[in-house]
Amino acid sequence: MDFEPVANIGRSPLAFWAKTSSNISTPAELVAAIKKKERPITFAIGGAGHKLAVEYLTTSLNVQGDKVETIMYKGPAQALQDVLGGHIEFGVTPVGVGLPMYQAGKIKLIGIANDH
């Protein structure tokens, strides 16, 4: 057995994804939509670190949390499944989880959160 794939996912930076029908395609558009507060923005998340990424985003934008909602799933694959199905507009998962779906054109990559 080789544990490298698991270790790589553990190191994988987090990505902000959107369903393909979303009118938001860039980090700037996502920030503008959050700041506008015209409608709630909902993120599917699969772990505590993913929630922290969303909270960091809203805190850095000085936005009240009531306009940004997170829905916790059992894991990142389940969270991404609802984005792929169009049930939730946005998701936050490790890049490695969503990359194959992005390469297949089934979701949009909005941005990557990393410490660099």
PDB file of N, CA and C in Angstrom:
ATOM      1  N   MET A   1       0.832  -1.183   0.000  1.00  0.00           N
ATOM      2  CA  MET A   1       0.000   0.000   0.000  1.00  0.00           C
ATOM      3  C   MET A   1       0.879   1.251   0.000  1.00  0.00           C
ATOM      4  N   ASP A   2       0.403   2.246  -0.664  1.00  0.00           N
ATOM      5  CA  ASP A   2       1.119   3.503  -0.751  1.00  0.00           C
ATOM      6  C   ASP A   2       0.233   4.607  -0.182  1.00  0.00           C
ATOM      7  N   PHE A   3       0.729   5.340   0.788  1.00  0.00           N
ATOM      8  CA  PHE A   3      -0.066   6.375   1.439  1.00  0.00           C
ATOM      9  C   PHE A   3       0.096   7.750   0.804  1.00  0.00           C
ATOM     10  N   GLU A   4       0.866   7.841  -0.254  1.00  0.00           N
ATOM     11  CA  GLU A   4       1.125   9.129  -0.864  1.00  0.00           C
ATOM     12  C   GLU A   4      -0.136   9.858  -1.322  1.00  0.00           C
ATOM     13  N   PRO A   5      -1.113   9.214  -1.986  1.00  0.00           N
ATOM     14  CA  PRO A   5      -2.304   9.962  -2.407  1.00  0.00           C
ATOM     15  C   PRO A   5      -3.038  10.612  -1.238  1.00  0.00           C
ATOM     16  N   VAL A   6      -3.142   9.920  -0.132  1.00  0.00           N
ATOM     17  CA  VAL A   6      -3.812  10.493   1.027  1.00  0.00           C
ATOM     18  C   VAL A   6      -3.017  11.694   1.537  1.00  0.00           C
ATOM     19  N   ALA A   7      -1.718  11.566   1.597  1.00  0.00           N
ATOM     20  CA  ALA A   7      -0.882  12.676   2.060  1.00  0.00           C
ATOM     21  C   ALA A   7      -1.000  13.868   1.121  1.00  0.00           C
ATOM     22  N   ASN A   8      -1.094  13.630  -0.166  1.00  0.00           N
ATOM     23  CA  ASN A   8      -1.227  14.729  -1.120  1.00  0.00           C
ATOM     24  C   ASN A   8      -2.546  15.457  -0.954  1.00  0.00           C
ATOM     25  N   ILE A   9      -3.635  14.731  -0.723  1.00  0.00           N
ATOM     26  CA  ILE A   9      -4.925  15.381  -0.504  1.00  0.00           C
ATOM     27  C   ILE A   9      -4.866  16.188   0.781  1.00  0.00           C
ATOM     28  N   GLY A  10      -4.204  15.664   1.799  1.00  0.00           N
ATOM     29  CA  GLY A  10      -4.082  16.379   3.059  1.00  0.00           C
ATOM     30  C   GLY A  10      -3.331  17.694   2.908  1.00  0.00           C
ATOM     31  N   ARG A  11      -2.413  17.774   1.981  1.00  0.00           N
ATOM     32  CA  ARG A  11      -1.641  18.997   1.729  1.00  0.00           C
ATOM     33  C   ARG A  11      -2.297  19.881   0.673  1.00  0.00           C
ATOM     34  N   SER A  12      -3.275  19.376   0.009  1.00  0.00           N
ATOM     35  CA  SER A  12      -3.897  20.091  -1.097  1.00  0.00           C
ATOM     36  C   SER A  12      -4.524  21.401  -0.629  1.00  0.00           C
ATOM     37  N   PRO A  13      -4.240  22.515  -1.304  1.00  0.00           N
ATOM     38  CA  PRO A  13      -4.898  23.774  -0.936  1.00  0.00           C
ATOM     39  C   PRO A  13      -6.391  23.680  -1.185  1.00  0.00           C
ATOM     40  N   LEU A  14      -7.126  24.546  -0.549  1.00  0.00           N
ATOM     41  CA  LEU A  14      -8.575  24.558  -0.722  1.00  0.00           C
ATOM     42  C   LEU A  14      -8.953  25.380  -1.952  1.00  0.00           C
ATOM     43  N   ALA A  15      -9.978  24.908  -2.626  1.00  0.00           N
ATOM     44  CA  ALA A  15     -10.474  25.604  -3.811  1.00  0.00           C
ATOM     45  C   ALA A  15     -11.916  26.021  -3.596  1.00  0.00           C
ATOM     46  N   PHE A  16     -12.258  27.179  -4.132  1.00  0.00           N
ATOM     47  CA  PHE A  16     -13.644  27.647  -4.149  1.00  0.00           C
ATOM     48  C   PHE A  16     -14.205  27.309  -5.520  1.00  0.00           C
ATOM     49  N   TRP A  17     -15.250  26.497  -5.535  1.00  0.00           N
ATOM     50  CA  TRP A  17     -15.871  26.029  -6.784  1.00  0.00           C
ATOM     51  C   TRP A  17     -17.251  26.661  -6.946  1.00  0.00           C
ATOM     52  N   ALA A  18     -17.747  26.680  -8.178  1.00  0.00           N
ATOM     53  CA  ALA A  18     -19.117  27.121  -8.445  1.00  0.00           C
ATOM     54  C   ALA A  18     -19.754  26.173  -9.437  1.00  0.00           C
ATOM     55  N   LYS A  19     -21.064  26.044  -9.338  1.00  0.00           N
ATOM     56  CA  LYS A  19     -21.763  25.241 -10.345  1.00  0.00           C
ATOM     57  C   LYS A  19     -21.634  25.952 -11.685  1.00  0.00           C
ATOM     58  N   THR A  20     -21.723  25.202 -12.747  1.00  0.00           N
ATOM     59  CA  THR A  20     -21.468  25.773 -14.079  1.00  0.00           C
ATOM     60  C   THR A  20     -22.464  26.860 -14.463  1.00  0.00           C
ATOM     61  N   SER A  21     -23.685  26.803 -13.938  1.00  0.00           N
ATOM     62  CA  SER A  21     -24.688  27.806 -14.307  1.00  0.00           C
ATOM     63  C   SER A  21     -24.592  29.091 -13.482  1.00  0.00           C
ATOM     64  N   SER A  22     -23.668  29.151 -12.536  1.00  0.00           N
ATOM     65  CA  SER A  22     -23.510  30.361 -11.723  1.00  0.00           C
ATOM     66  C   SER A  22     -23.032  31.518 -12.595  1.00  0.00           C
ATOM     67  N   ASN A  23     -23.515  32.719 -12.290  1.00  0.00           N
ATOM     68  CA  ASN A  23     -23.051  33.893 -13.030  1.00  0.00           C
ATOM     69  C   ASN A  23     -21.757  34.445 -12.440  1.00  0.00           C
ATOM     70  N   ILE A  24     -21.220  33.778 -11.423  1.00  0.00           N
ATOM     71  CA  ILE A  24     -19.964  34.167 -10.792  1.00  0.00           C
ATOM     72  C   ILE A  24     -18.862  33.242 -11.275  1.00  0.00           C
ATOM     73  N   SER A  25     -17.776  33.838 -11.786  1.00  0.00           N
ATOM     74  CA  SER A  25     -16.684  33.040 -12.359  1.00  0.00           C
ATOM     75  C   SER A  25     -15.300  33.418 -11.849  1.00  0.00           C
ATOM     76  N   THR A  26     -15.189  34.503 -11.099  1.00  0.00           N
ATOM     77  CA  THR A  26     -13.872  34.963 -10.641  1.00  0.00           C
ATOM     78  C   THR A  26     -13.929  35.304  -9.149  1.00  0.00           C
ATOM     79  N   PRO A  27     -12.769  35.369  -8.508  1.00  0.00           N
ATOM     80  CA  PRO A  27     -12.760  35.807  -7.107  1.00  0.00           C
ATOM     81  C   PRO A  27     -13.369  37.200  -6.922  1.00  0.00           C
ATOM     82  N   ALA A  28     -13.083  38.114  -7.838  1.00  0.00           N
ATOM     83  CA  ALA A  28     -13.616  39.480  -7.732  1.00  0.00           C
ATOM     84  C   ALA A  28     -15.145  39.483  -7.799  1.00  0.00           C
ATOM     85  N   GLU A  29     -15.706  38.667  -8.666  1.00  0.00           N
ATOM     86  CA  GLU A  29     -17.169  38.585  -8.770  1.00  0.00           C
ATOM     87  C   GLU A  29     -17.783  37.986  -7.504  1.00  0.00           C
ATOM     88  N   LEU A  30     -17.107  36.995  -6.919  1.00  0.00           N
ATOM     89  CA  LEU A  30     -17.594  36.391  -5.676  1.00  0.00           C
ATOM     90  C   LEU A  30     -17.554  37.419  -4.549  1.00  0.00           C
ATOM     91  N   VAL A  31     -16.460  38.148  -4.433  1.00  0.00           N
ATOM     92  CA  VAL A  31     -16.334  39.181  -3.405  1.00  0.00           C
ATOM     93  C   VAL A  31     -17.416  40.240  -3.592  1.00  0.00           C
ATOM     94  N   ALA A  32     -17.647  40.666  -4.814  1.00  0.00           N
ATOM     95  CA  ALA A  32     -18.675  41.679  -5.091  1.00  0.00           C
ATOM     96  C   ALA A  32     -20.057  41.183  -4.695  1.00  0.00           C
ATOM     97  N   ALA A  33     -20.365  39.935  -4.996  1.00  0.00           N
ATOM     98  CA  ALA A  33     -21.674  39.375  -4.649  1.00  0.00           C
ATOM     99  C   ALA A  33     -21.852  39.286  -3.138  1.00  0.00           C
ATOM    100  N   ILE A  34     -20.788  38.918  -2.431  1.00  0.00           N
ATOM    101  CA  ILE A  34     -20.866  38.850  -0.973  1.00  0.00           C
ATOM    102  C   ILE A  34     -21.054  40.249  -0.390  1.00  0.00           C
ATOM    103  N   LYS A  35     -20.318  41.213  -0.900  1.00  0.00           N
ATOM    104  CA  LYS A  35     -20.408  42.587  -0.387  1.00  0.00           C
ATOM    105  C   LYS A  35     -21.751  43.236  -0.715  1.00  0.00           C
ATOM    106  N   LYS A  36     -22.334  42.894  -1.873  1.00  0.00           N
ATOM    107  CA  LYS A  36     -23.612  43.476  -2.285  1.00  0.00           C
ATOM    108  C   LYS A  36     -24.732  43.111  -1.331  1.00  0.00           C
ATOM    109  N   LYS A  37     -24.676  41.903  -0.835  1.00  0.00           N
ATOM    110  CA  LYS A  37     -25.676  41.396   0.116  1.00  0.00           C
ATOM    111  C   LYS A  37     -27.085  41.381  -0.463  1.00  0.00           C
ATOM    112  N   GLU A  38     -27.215  41.242  -1.792  1.00  0.00           N
ATOM    113  CA  GLU A  38     -28.533  41.193  -2.405  1.00  0.00           C
ATOM    114  C   GLU A  38     -29.211  39.840  -2.205  1.00  0.00           C
ATOM    115  N   ARG A  39     -28.398  38.817  -2.064  1.00  0.00           N
ATOM    116  CA  ARG A  39     -28.934  37.474  -1.894  1.00  0.00           C
ATOM    117  C   ARG A  39     -27.970  36.669  -1.036  1.00  0.00           C
ATOM    118  N   PRO A  40     -28.481  35.673  -0.351  1.00  0.00           N
ATOM    119  CA  PRO A  40     -27.565  34.834   0.434  1.00  0.00           C
ATOM    120  C   PRO A  40     -26.636  34.033  -0.486  1.00  0.00           C
ATOM    121  N   ILE A  41     -25.414  33.865  -0.057  1.00  0.00           N
ATOM    122  CA  ILE A  41     -24.436  33.057  -0.776  1.00  0.00           C
ATOM    123  C   ILE A  41     -24.240  31.791   0.060  1.00  0.00           C
ATOM    124  N   THR A  42     -24.419  30.631  -0.548  1.00  0.00           N
ATOM    125  CA  THR A  42     -24.349  29.370   0.178  1.00  0.00           C
ATOM    126  C   THR A  42     -23.178  28.534  -0.322  1.00  0.00           C
ATOM    127  N   PHE A  43     -22.393  28.024   0.628  1.00  0.00           N
ATOM    128  CA  PHE A  43     -21.251  27.174   0.338  1.00  0.00           C
ATOM    129  C   PHE A  43     -21.477  25.781   0.909  1.00  0.00           C
ATOM    130  N   ALA A  44     -21.245  24.769   0.101  1.00  0.00           N
ATOM    131  CA  ALA A  44     -21.203  23.389   0.579  1.00  0.00           C
ATOM    132  C   ALA A  44     -19.780  23.135   1.061  1.00  0.00           C
ATOM    133  N   ILE A  45     -19.655  22.635   2.274  1.00  0.00           N
ATOM    134  CA  ILE A  45     -18.326  22.386   2.834  1.00  0.00           C
ATOM    135  C   ILE A  45     -18.272  20.975   3.398  1.00  0.00           C
ATOM    136  N   GLY A  46     -17.083  20.396   3.386  1.00  0.00           N
ATOM    137  CA  GLY A  46     -16.929  19.023   3.834  1.00  0.00           C
ATOM    138  C   GLY A  46     -16.019  18.855   5.019  1.00  0.00           C
ATOM    139  N   GLY A  47     -15.672  19.942   5.685  1.00  0.00           N
ATOM    140  CA  GLY A  47     -14.790  19.837   6.835  1.00  0.00           C
ATOM    141  C   GLY A  47     -14.639  21.170   7.539  1.00  0.00           C
ATOM    142  N   ALA A  48     -14.110  21.097   8.761  1.00  0.00           N
ATOM    143  CA  ALA A  48     -13.963  22.303   9.573  1.00  0.00           C
ATOM    144  C   ALA A  48     -13.006  23.310   8.929  1.00  0.00           C
ATOM    145  N   GLY A  49     -11.946  22.844   8.298  1.00  0.00           N
ATOM    146  CA  GLY A  49     -11.009  23.748   7.642  1.00  0.00           C
ATOM    147  C   GLY A  49     -11.657  24.492   6.486  1.00  0.00           C
ATOM    148  N   HIS A  50     -12.601  23.848   5.835  1.00  0.00           N
ATOM    149  CA  HIS A  50     -13.304  24.476   4.713  1.00  0.00           C
ATOM    150  C   HIS A  50     -14.195  25.601   5.244  1.00  0.00           C
ATOM    151  N   LYS A  51     -14.843  25.336   6.381  1.00  0.00           N
ATOM    152  CA  LYS A  51     -15.673  26.368   7.009  1.00  0.00           C
ATOM    153  C   LYS A  51     -14.814  27.555   7.437  1.00  0.00           C
ATOM    154  N   LEU A  52     -13.639  27.271   7.975  1.00  0.00           N
ATOM    155  CA  LEU A  52     -12.739  28.343   8.378  1.00  0.00           C
ATOM    156  C   LEU A  52     -12.324  29.206   7.185  1.00  0.00           C
ATOM    157  N   ALA A  53     -12.144  28.588   6.014  1.00  0.00           N
ATOM    158  CA  ALA A  53     -11.792  29.355   4.812  1.00  0.00           C
ATOM    159  C   ALA A  53     -12.904  30.338   4.449  1.00  0.00           C
ATOM    160  N   VAL A  54     -14.152  29.885   4.546  1.00  0.00           N
ATOM    161  CA  VAL A  54     -15.290  30.761   4.256  1.00  0.00           C
ATOM    162  C   VAL A  54     -15.386  31.860   5.315  1.00  0.00           C
ATOM    163  N   GLU A  55     -15.207  31.492   6.577  1.00  0.00           N
ATOM    164  CA  GLU A  55     -15.270  32.486   7.650  1.00  0.00           C
ATOM    165  C   GLU A  55     -14.144  33.507   7.528  1.00  0.00           C
ATOM    166  N   TYR A  56     -12.978  33.056   7.140  1.00  0.00           N
ATOM    167  CA  TYR A  56     -11.865  33.986   6.934  1.00  0.00           C
ATOM    168  C   TYR A  56     -12.203  34.972   5.812  1.00  0.00           C
ATOM    169  N   LEU A  57     -12.804  34.464   4.743  1.00  0.00           N
ATOM    170  CA  LEU A  57     -13.199  35.323   3.627  1.00  0.00           C
ATOM    171  C   LEU A  57     -14.184  36.387   4.089  1.00  0.00           C
ATOM    172  N   THR A  58     -15.234  35.980   4.787  1.00  0.00           N
ATOM    173  CA  THR A  58     -16.249  36.950   5.220  1.00  0.00           C
ATOM    174  C   THR A  58     -15.688  37.926   6.249  1.00  0.00           C
ATOM    175  N   THR A  59     -14.837  37.448   7.140  1.00  0.00           N
ATOM    176  CA  THR A  59     -14.230  38.326   8.142  1.00  0.00           C
ATOM    177  C   THR A  59     -13.312  39.349   7.479  1.00  0.00           C
ATOM    178  N   SER A  60     -12.516  38.898   6.520  1.00  0.00           N
ATOM    179  CA  SER A  60     -11.601  39.825   5.846  1.00  0.00           C
ATOM    180  C   SER A  60     -12.359  40.859   5.008  1.00  0.00           C
ATOM    181  N   LEU A  61     -13.575  40.526   4.599  1.00  0.00           N
ATOM    182  CA  LEU A  61     -14.403  41.469   3.846  1.00  0.00           C
ATOM    183  C   LEU A  61     -15.256  42.334   4.764  1.00  0.00           C
ATOM    184  N   ASN A  62     -15.185  42.049   6.074  1.00  0.00           N
ATOM    185  CA  ASN A  62     -15.986  42.757   7.074  1.00  0.00           C
ATOM    186  C   ASN A  62     -17.484  42.646   6.759  1.00  0.00           C
ATOM    187  N   VAL A  63     -17.917  41.418   6.473  1.00  0.00           N
ATOM    188  CA  VAL A  63     -19.299  41.147   6.094  1.00  0.00           C
ATOM    189  C   VAL A  63     -19.967  40.356   7.205  1.00  0.00           C
ATOM    190  N   GLN A  64     -21.196  40.704   7.496  1.00  0.00           N
ATOM    191  CA  GLN A  64     -21.981  39.948   8.476  1.00  0.00           C
ATOM    192  C   GLN A  64     -22.178  38.528   7.972  1.00  0.00           C
ATOM    193  N   GLY A  65     -22.124  37.572   8.871  1.00  0.00           N
ATOM    194  CA  GLY A  65     -22.239  36.164   8.519  1.00  0.00           C
ATOM    195  C   GLY A  65     -23.601  35.731   8.034  1.00  0.00           C
ATOM    196  N   ASP A  66     -24.649  36.545   8.262  1.00  0.00           N
ATOM    197  CA  ASP A  66     -25.998  36.119   7.882  1.00  0.00           C
ATOM    198  C   ASP A  66     -26.227  36.117   6.375  1.00  0.00           C
ATOM    199  N   LYS A  67     -25.368  36.726   5.608  1.00  0.00           N
ATOM    200  CA  LYS A  67     -25.503  36.724   4.146  1.00  0.00           C
ATOM    201  C   LYS A  67     -24.701  35.604   3.493  1.00  0.00           C
ATOM    202  N   VAL A  68     -23.867  34.945   4.266  1.00  0.00           N
ATOM    203  CA  VAL A  68     -23.078  33.825   3.768  1.00  0.00           C
ATOM    204  C   VAL A  68     -23.396  32.623   4.643  1.00  0.00           C
ATOM    205  N   GLU A  69     -23.886  31.577   4.013  1.00  0.00           N
ATOM    206  CA  GLU A  69     -24.290  30.371   4.736  1.00  0.00           C
ATOM    207  C   GLU A  69     -23.385  29.214   4.330  1.00  0.00           C
ATOM    208  N   THR A  70     -23.074  28.368   5.295  1.00  0.00           N
ATOM    209  CA  THR A  70     -22.338  27.142   4.998  1.00  0.00           C
ATOM    210  C   THR A  70     -23.202  25.954   5.374  1.00  0.00           C
ATOM    211  N   ILE A  71     -23.145  24.939   4.548  1.00  0.00           N
ATOM    212  CA  ILE A  71     -23.856  23.686   4.819  1.00  0.00           C
ATOM    213  C   ILE A  71     -22.802  22.595   4.918  1.00  0.00           C
ATOM    214  N   MET A  72     -22.751  21.954   6.078  1.00  0.00           N
ATOM    215  CA  MET A  72     -21.739  20.929   6.349  1.00  0.00           C
ATOM    216  C   MET A  72     -22.194  19.571   5.820  1.00  0.00           C
ATOM    217  N   TYR A  73     -21.290  18.909   5.125  1.00  0.00           N
ATOM    218  CA  TYR A  73     -21.515  17.561   4.606  1.00  0.00           C
ATOM    219  C   TYR A  73     -20.575  16.595   5.314  1.00  0.00           C
ATOM    220  N   LYS A  74     -20.785  15.314   5.094  1.00  0.00           N
ATOM    221  CA  LYS A  74     -19.936  14.297   5.732  1.00  0.00           C
ATOM    222  C   LYS A  74     -18.493  14.389   5.275  1.00  0.00           C
ATOM    223  N   GLY A  75     -18.255  14.899   4.084  1.00  0.00           N
ATOM    224  CA  GLY A  75     -16.910  15.022   3.545  1.00  0.00           C
ATOM    225  C   GLY A  75     -16.914  15.895   2.310  1.00  0.00           C
ATOM    226  N   PRO A  76     -15.731  16.205   1.782  1.00  0.00           N
ATOM    227  CA  PRO A  76     -15.655  17.087   0.623  1.00  0.00           C
ATOM    228  C   PRO A  76     -16.283  16.499  -0.638  1.00  0.00           C
ATOM    229  N   ALA A  77     -16.216  15.197  -0.810  1.00  0.00           N
ATOM    230  CA  ALA A  77     -16.817  14.595  -2.010  1.00  0.00           C
ATOM    231  C   ALA A  77     -18.332  14.778  -2.012  1.00  0.00           C
ATOM    232  N   GLN A  78     -18.942  14.608  -0.844  1.00  0.00           N
ATOM    233  CA  GLN A  78     -20.397  14.789  -0.740  1.00  0.00           C
ATOM    234  C   GLN A  78     -20.785  16.254  -0.946  1.00  0.00           C
ATOM    235  N   ALA A  79     -19.965  17.162  -0.434  1.00  0.00           N
ATOM    236  CA  ALA A  79     -20.232  18.592  -0.625  1.00  0.00           C
ATOM    237  C   ALA A  79     -20.162  18.949  -2.106  1.00  0.00           C
ATOM    238  N   LEU A  80     -19.137  18.460  -2.762  1.00  0.00           N
ATOM    239  CA  LEU A  80     -18.958  18.764  -4.177  1.00  0.00           C
ATOM    240  C   LEU A  80     -20.066  18.151  -5.028  1.00  0.00           C
ATOM    241  N   GLN A  81     -20.588  17.029  -4.599  1.00  0.00           N
ATOM    242  CA  GLN A  81     -21.669  16.360  -5.334  1.00  0.00           C
ATOM    243  C   GLN A  81     -22.893  17.270  -5.464  1.00  0.00           C
ATOM    244  N   ASP A  82     -23.222  18.013  -4.398  1.00  0.00           N
ATOM    245  CA  ASP A  82     -24.368  18.918  -4.474  1.00  0.00           C
ATOM    246  C   ASP A  82     -24.081  20.144  -5.333  1.00  0.00           C
ATOM    247  N   VAL A  83     -22.825  20.560  -5.432  1.00  0.00           N
ATOM    248  CA  VAL A  83     -22.469  21.635  -6.359  1.00  0.00           C
ATOM    249  C   VAL A  83     -22.594  21.119  -7.793  1.00  0.00           C
ATOM    250  N   LEU A  84     -22.083  19.914  -8.028  1.00  0.00           N
ATOM    251  CA  LEU A  84     -22.175  19.313  -9.367  1.00  0.00           C
ATOM    252  C   LEU A  84     -23.627  19.142  -9.799  1.00  0.00           C
ATOM    253  N   GLY A  85     -24.477  18.776  -8.845  1.00  0.00           N
ATOM    254  CA  GLY A  85     -25.892  18.577  -9.146  1.00  0.00           C
ATOM    255  C   GLY A  85     -26.672  19.873  -9.264  1.00  0.00           C
ATOM    256  N   GLY A  86     -26.027  21.010  -8.957  1.00  0.00           N
ATOM    257  CA  GLY A  86     -26.694  22.297  -9.074  1.00  0.00           C
ATOM    258  C   GLY A  86     -27.573  22.650  -7.885  1.00  0.00           C
ATOM    259  N   HIS A  87     -27.509  21.875  -6.802  1.00  0.00           N
ATOM    260  CA  HIS A  87     -28.340  22.130  -5.629  1.00  0.00           C
ATOM    261  C   HIS A  87     -27.790  23.276  -4.778  1.00  0.00           C
ATOM    262  N   ILE A  88     -26.468  23.453  -4.789  1.00  0.00           N
ATOM    263  CA  ILE A  88     -25.789  24.514  -4.041  1.00  0.00           C
ATOM    264  C   ILE A  88     -24.898  25.239  -5.050  1.00  0.00           C
ATOM    265  N   GLU A  89     -24.847  26.554  -4.964  1.00  0.00           N
ATOM    266  CA  GLU A  89     -24.090  27.311  -5.968  1.00  0.00           C
ATOM    267  C   GLU A  89     -22.578  27.184  -5.807  1.00  0.00           C
ATOM    268  N   PHE A  90     -22.092  27.156  -4.548  1.00  0.00           N
ATOM    269  CA  PHE A  90     -20.654  27.166  -4.303  1.00  0.00           C
ATOM    270  C   PHE A  90     -20.236  26.033  -3.379  1.00  0.00           C
ATOM    271  N   GLY A  91     -18.969  25.678  -3.484  1.00  0.00           N
ATOM    272  CA  GLY A  91     -18.400  24.681  -2.591  1.00  0.00           C
ATOM    273  C   GLY A  91     -16.947  25.008  -2.310  1.00  0.00           C
ATOM    274  N   VAL A  92     -16.468  24.514  -1.172  1.00  0.00           N
ATOM    275  CA  VAL A  92     -15.059  24.642  -0.812  1.00  0.00           C
ATOM    276  C   VAL A  92     -14.555  23.246  -0.488  1.00  0.00           C
ATOM    277  N   THR A  93     -13.566  22.794  -1.256  1.00  0.00           N
ATOM    278  CA  THR A  93     -12.979  21.471  -1.051  1.00  0.00           C
ATOM    279  C   THR A  93     -11.485  21.547  -1.354  1.00  0.00           C
ATOM    280  N   PRO A  94     -10.743  20.513  -0.987  1.00  0.00           N
ATOM    281  CA  PRO A  94      -9.359  20.467  -1.452  1.00  0.00           C
ATOM    282  C   PRO A  94      -9.326  20.430  -2.984  1.00  0.00           C
ATOM    283  N   VAL A  95      -8.324  21.050  -3.557  1.00  0.00           N
ATOM    284  CA  VAL A  95      -8.192  21.079  -5.017  1.00  0.00           C
ATOM    285  C   VAL A  95      -8.245  19.666  -5.597  1.00  0.00           C
ATOM    286  N   GLY A  96      -7.564  18.726  -4.943  1.00  0.00           N
ATOM    287  CA  GLY A  96      -7.498  17.360  -5.446  1.00  0.00           C
ATOM    288  C   GLY A  96      -8.848  16.684  -5.568  1.00  0.00           C
ATOM    289  N   VAL A  97      -9.812  17.096  -4.774  1.00  0.00           N
ATOM    290  CA  VAL A  97     -11.150  16.488  -4.825  1.00  0.00           C
ATOM    291  C   VAL A  97     -11.914  16.972  -6.051  1.00  0.00           C
ATOM    292  N   GLY A  98     -11.815  18.249  -6.373  1.00  0.00           N
ATOM    293  CA  GLY A  98     -12.600  18.808  -7.468  1.00  0.00           C
ATOM    294  C   GLY A  98     -11.916  18.882  -8.811  1.00  0.00           C
ATOM    295  N   LEU A  99     -10.604  18.696  -8.843  1.00  0.00           N
ATOM    296  CA  LEU A  99      -9.852  18.864 -10.084  1.00  0.00           C
ATOM    297  C   LEU A  99     -10.383  18.015 -11.243  1.00  0.00           C
ATOM    298  N   PRO A 100     -10.672  16.739 -11.052  1.00  0.00           N
ATOM    299  CA  PRO A 100     -11.184  15.952 -12.195  1.00  0.00           C
ATOM    300  C   PRO A 100     -12.509  16.501 -12.740  1.00  0.00           C
ATOM    301  N   MET A 101     -13.380  16.990 -11.853  1.00  0.00           N
ATOM    302  CA  MET A 101     -14.670  17.540 -12.309  1.00  0.00           C
ATOM    303  C   MET A 101     -14.470  18.877 -13.025  1.00  0.00           C
ATOM    304  N   TYR A 102     -13.496  19.640 -12.561  1.00  0.00           N
ATOM    305  CA  TYR A 102     -13.160  20.907 -13.228  1.00  0.00           C
ATOM    306  C   TYR A 102     -12.600  20.636 -14.619  1.00  0.00           C
ATOM    307  N   GLN A 103     -11.684  19.674 -14.715  1.00  0.00           N
ATOM    308  CA  GLN A 103     -11.079  19.338 -16.004  1.00  0.00           C
ATOM    309  C   GLN A 103     -12.116  18.799 -16.986  1.00  0.00           C
ATOM    310  N   ALA A 104     -13.173  18.190 -16.465  1.00  0.00           N
ATOM    311  CA  ALA A 104     -14.248  17.672 -17.315  1.00  0.00           C
ATOM    312  C   ALA A 104     -15.287  18.749 -17.646  1.00  0.00           C
ATOM    313  N   GLY A 105     -15.114  19.965 -17.110  1.00  0.00           N
ATOM    314  CA  GLY A 105     -16.045  21.054 -17.397  1.00  0.00           C
ATOM    315  C   GLY A 105     -17.343  20.978 -16.622  1.00  0.00           C
ATOM    316  N   LYS A 106     -17.360  20.246 -15.515  1.00  0.00           N
ATOM    317  CA  LYS A 106     -18.600  20.069 -14.751  1.00  0.00           C
ATOM    318  C   LYS A 106     -18.770  21.061 -13.612  1.00  0.00           C
ATOM    319  N   ILE A 107     -17.704  21.781 -13.247  1.00  0.00           N
ATOM    320  CA  ILE A 107     -17.755  22.843 -12.254  1.00  0.00           C
ATOM    321  C   ILE A 107     -16.777  23.938 -12.671  1.00  0.00           C
ATOM    322  N   LYS A 108     -16.956  25.111 -12.066  1.00  0.00           N
ATOM    323  CA  LYS A 108     -16.044  26.226 -12.329  1.00  0.00           C
ATOM    324  C   LYS A 108     -15.130  26.425 -11.128  1.00  0.00           C
ATOM    325  N   LEU A 109     -13.883  26.721 -11.386  1.00  0.00           N
ATOM    326  CA  LEU A 109     -12.933  27.066 -10.346  1.00  0.00           C
ATOM    327  C   LEU A 109     -12.963  28.581 -10.163  1.00  0.00           C
ATOM    328  N   ILE A 110     -13.344  29.006  -8.960  1.00  0.00           N
ATOM    329  CA  ILE A 110     -13.401  30.440  -8.664  1.00  0.00           C
ATOM    330  C   ILE A 110     -12.048  30.945  -8.183  1.00  0.00           C
ATOM    331  N   GLY A 111     -11.435  30.190  -7.266  1.00  0.00           N
ATOM    332  CA  GLY A 111     -10.150  30.604  -6.737  1.00  0.00           C
ATOM    333  C   GLY A 111      -9.581  29.556  -5.802  1.00  0.00           C
ATOM    334  N   ILE A 112      -8.325  29.736  -5.453  1.00  0.00           N
ATOM    335  CA  ILE A 112      -7.636  28.801  -4.572  1.00  0.00           C
ATOM    336  C   ILE A 112      -7.152  29.554  -3.339  1.00  0.00           C
ATOM    337  N   ALA A 113      -7.440  28.979  -2.181  1.00  0.00           N
ATOM    338  CA  ALA A 113      -6.979  29.546  -0.909  1.00  0.00           C
ATOM    339  C   ALA A 113      -5.739  28.765  -0.500  1.00  0.00           C
ATOM    340  N   ASN A 114      -4.653  29.473  -0.303  1.00  0.00           N
ATOM    341  CA  ASN A 114      -3.397  28.832   0.073  1.00  0.00           C
ATOM    342  C   ASN A 114      -2.610  29.797   0.926  1.00  0.00           C
ATOM    343  N   ASP A 115      -1.591  29.302   1.568  1.00  0.00           N
ATOM    344  CA  ASP A 115      -0.799  30.162   2.439  1.00  0.00           C
ATOM    345  C   ASP A 115       0.345  30.847   1.705  1.00  0.00           C
ATOM    346  N   HIS A 116       0.373  30.785   0.387  1.00  0.00           N
ATOM    347  CA  HIS A 116       1.457  31.412  -0.389  1.00  0.00           C
ATOM    348  C   HIS A 116       0.970  32.668  -1.071  1.00  0.00           C
TER     349      HIS A 116
END
